[in-house]
Amino acid sequence: MRKGSVKEALAKIKYDPRENEGDYYIVIEHRGAYGDVKKIPVEIIELGHGYFFIGETQIPYHRILAVVRKDGRVIWKKRGLSREPKF
């Protein structure tokens, strides 16, 4: 499941022609609201160096809890999360 950084996983999804970025979403922890998570389609984010962008909004990669396929398969998750996160 977890191979490399979240940025590497997202770059593969976004730039590998064999992948369809519309099949994936990320789960982030909303700033200042512990336990409040949001699902964001990978197709609407742009990758940066220490951050990713949704339009003009800049969000640090460390807020990403998991990268998930729409079928529910977790392809990357943050270290320290339970073995089977429910997103």
C-alpha atoms as a PDB file:
ATOM      1  CA  MET A   1       0.000   0.000   0.000  1.00  0.00           C
ATOM      2  CA  ARG A   2       2.364   2.736   1.160  1.00  0.00           C
ATOM      3  CA  LYS A   3       5.331   3.184  -1.133  1.00  0.00           C
ATOM      4  CA  GLY A   4       7.080   6.521  -1.011  1.00  0.00           C
ATOM      5  CA  SER A   5       5.627   9.875  -0.124  1.00  0.00           C
ATOM      6  CA  VAL A   6       2.089  11.060  -0.667  1.00  0.00           C
ATOM      7  CA  LYS A   7       3.400  13.498  -3.263  1.00  0.00           C
ATOM      8  CA  GLU A   8       4.935  10.601  -5.239  1.00  0.00           C
ATOM      9  CA  ALA A   9       1.651   8.675  -5.075  1.00  0.00           C
ATOM     10  CA  LEU A  10      -0.310  11.708  -6.289  1.00  0.00           C
ATOM     11  CA  ALA A  11       2.205  12.471  -9.050  1.00  0.00           C
ATOM     12  CA  LYS A  12       1.833   8.918 -10.360  1.00  0.00           C
ATOM     13  CA  ILE A  13      -1.960   9.251 -10.395  1.00  0.00           C
ATOM     14  CA  LYS A  14      -1.906  12.676 -12.060  1.00  0.00           C
ATOM     15  CA  TYR A  15       0.873  12.186 -14.618  1.00  0.00           C
ATOM     16  CA  ASP A  16       0.940   8.469 -15.481  1.00  0.00           C
ATOM     17  CA  PRO A  17      -1.181   8.024 -18.643  1.00  0.00           C
ATOM     18  CA  ARG A  18      -2.240   4.561 -17.417  1.00  0.00           C
ATOM     19  CA  GLU A  19      -4.020   6.120 -14.438  1.00  0.00           C
ATOM     20  CA  ASN A  20      -7.336   7.981 -14.431  1.00  0.00           C
ATOM     21  CA  GLU A  21      -7.153  10.711 -11.809  1.00  0.00           C
ATOM     22  CA  GLY A  22     -10.953  10.793 -11.725  1.00  0.00           C
ATOM     23  CA  ASP A  23     -10.856   7.390 -10.008  1.00  0.00           C
ATOM     24  CA  TYR A  24      -9.163   8.761  -6.871  1.00  0.00           C
ATOM     25  CA  TYR A  25      -9.744  11.151  -4.013  1.00  0.00           C
ATOM     26  CA  ILE A  26      -7.689  12.316  -1.058  1.00  0.00           C
ATOM     27  CA  VAL A  27      -8.851  12.490   2.527  1.00  0.00           C
ATOM     28  CA  ILE A  28      -7.599  15.484   4.474  1.00  0.00           C
ATOM     29  CA  GLU A  29      -7.989  16.598   8.049  1.00  0.00           C
ATOM     30  CA  HIS A  30      -9.620  20.004   8.061  1.00  0.00           C
ATOM     31  CA  ARG A  31      -7.458  22.611   9.788  1.00  0.00           C
ATOM     32  CA  GLY A  32      -8.491  23.444  13.322  1.00  0.00           C
ATOM     33  CA  ALA A  33     -11.217  20.812  13.460  1.00  0.00           C
ATOM     34  CA  TYR A  34      -9.793  17.591  14.877  1.00  0.00           C
ATOM     35  CA  GLY A  35     -11.606  14.611  13.413  1.00  0.00           C
ATOM     36  CA  ASP A  36     -13.271  16.685  10.688  1.00  0.00           C
ATOM     37  CA  VAL A  37     -12.186  15.069   7.423  1.00  0.00           C
ATOM     38  CA  LYS A  38     -12.945  16.078   3.851  1.00  0.00           C
ATOM     39  CA  LYS A  39     -12.814  14.050   0.642  1.00  0.00           C
ATOM     40  CA  ILE A  40     -11.327  15.900  -2.316  1.00  0.00           C
ATOM     41  CA  PRO A  41     -11.172  14.532  -5.882  1.00  0.00           C
ATOM     42  CA  VAL A  42      -7.580  14.251  -7.124  1.00  0.00           C
ATOM     43  CA  GLU A  43      -8.604  15.764 -10.461  1.00  0.00           C
ATOM     44  CA  ILE A  44      -9.194  19.207  -8.887  1.00  0.00           C
ATOM     45  CA  ILE A  45      -5.840  19.525  -7.106  1.00  0.00           C
ATOM     46  CA  GLU A  46      -2.545  20.865  -8.435  1.00  0.00           C
ATOM     47  CA  LEU A  47       0.719  19.626  -6.966  1.00  0.00           C
ATOM     48  CA  GLY A  48       3.322  21.997  -5.542  1.00  0.00           C
ATOM     49  CA  HIS A  49       6.541  21.490  -3.560  1.00  0.00           C
ATOM     50  CA  GLY A  50       5.399  21.488   0.076  1.00  0.00           C
ATOM     51  CA  TYR A  51       1.758  22.120  -0.665  1.00  0.00           C
ATOM     52  CA  PHE A  52      -1.011  21.167  -3.057  1.00  0.00           C
ATOM     53  CA  PHE A  53      -3.497  23.672  -4.387  1.00  0.00           C
ATOM     54  CA  ILE A  54      -7.240  23.773  -4.869  1.00  0.00           C
ATOM     55  CA  GLY A  55      -7.687  26.929  -6.899  1.00  0.00           C
ATOM     56  CA  GLU A  56      -5.949  29.644  -4.876  1.00  0.00           C
ATOM     57  CA  THR A  57      -6.085  27.661  -1.622  1.00  0.00           C
ATOM     58  CA  GLN A  58      -2.779  26.155  -0.539  1.00  0.00           C
ATOM     59  CA  ILE A  59      -2.849  23.071   1.721  1.00  0.00           C
ATOM     60  CA  PRO A  60       0.250  21.313   3.134  1.00  0.00           C
ATOM     61  CA  TYR A  61       0.771  17.659   2.234  1.00  0.00           C
ATOM     62  CA  HIS A  62       0.961  16.686   5.915  1.00  0.00           C
ATOM     63  CA  ARG A  63      -2.810  17.244   6.171  1.00  0.00           C
ATOM     64  CA  ILE A  64      -3.454  14.331   3.807  1.00  0.00           C
ATOM     65  CA  LEU A  65      -4.569  11.266   5.732  1.00  0.00           C
ATOM     66  CA  ALA A  66      -5.045   8.910   2.776  1.00  0.00           C
ATOM     67  CA  VAL A  67      -5.290   8.521  -0.985  1.00  0.00           C
ATOM     68  CA  VAL A  68      -8.236   6.303  -1.870  1.00  0.00           C
ATOM     69  CA  ARG A  69      -9.714   4.816  -5.042  1.00  0.00           C
ATOM     70  CA  LYS A  70     -13.438   5.389  -5.544  1.00  0.00           C
ATOM     71  CA  ASP A  71     -13.937   1.645  -5.023  1.00  0.00           C
ATOM     72  CA  GLY A  72     -12.680   2.166  -1.428  1.00  0.00           C
ATOM     73  CA  ARG A  73      -9.192   0.697  -1.826  1.00  0.00           C
ATOM     74  CA  VAL A  74      -6.670   2.741   0.167  1.00  0.00           C
ATOM     75  CA  ILE A  75      -3.501   3.129  -1.896  1.00  0.00           C
ATOM     76  CA  TRP A  76      -1.591   5.387   0.509  1.00  0.00           C
ATOM     77  CA  LYS A  77      -2.221   6.296   4.134  1.00  0.00           C
ATOM     78  CA  LYS A  78      -0.427   8.397   6.684  1.00  0.00           C
ATOM     79  CA  ARG A  79       1.715   6.519   9.168  1.00  0.00           C
ATOM     80  CA  GLY A  80       0.060   6.028  12.521  1.00  0.00           C
ATOM     81  CA  LEU A  81      -3.482   5.620  11.208  1.00  0.00           C
ATOM     82  CA  SER A  82      -5.377   2.481  12.108  1.00  0.00           C
ATOM     83  CA  ARG A  83      -4.834  -0.536   9.863  1.00  0.00           C
ATOM     84  CA  GLU A  84      -8.246  -0.202   8.217  1.00  0.00           C
ATOM     85  CA  PRO A  85      -9.276   3.451   8.154  1.00  0.00           C
ATOM     86  CA  LYS A  86     -12.904   4.101   7.300  1.00  0.00           C
ATOM     87  CA  PHE A  87     -13.129   6.995   4.866  1.00  0.00           C
END
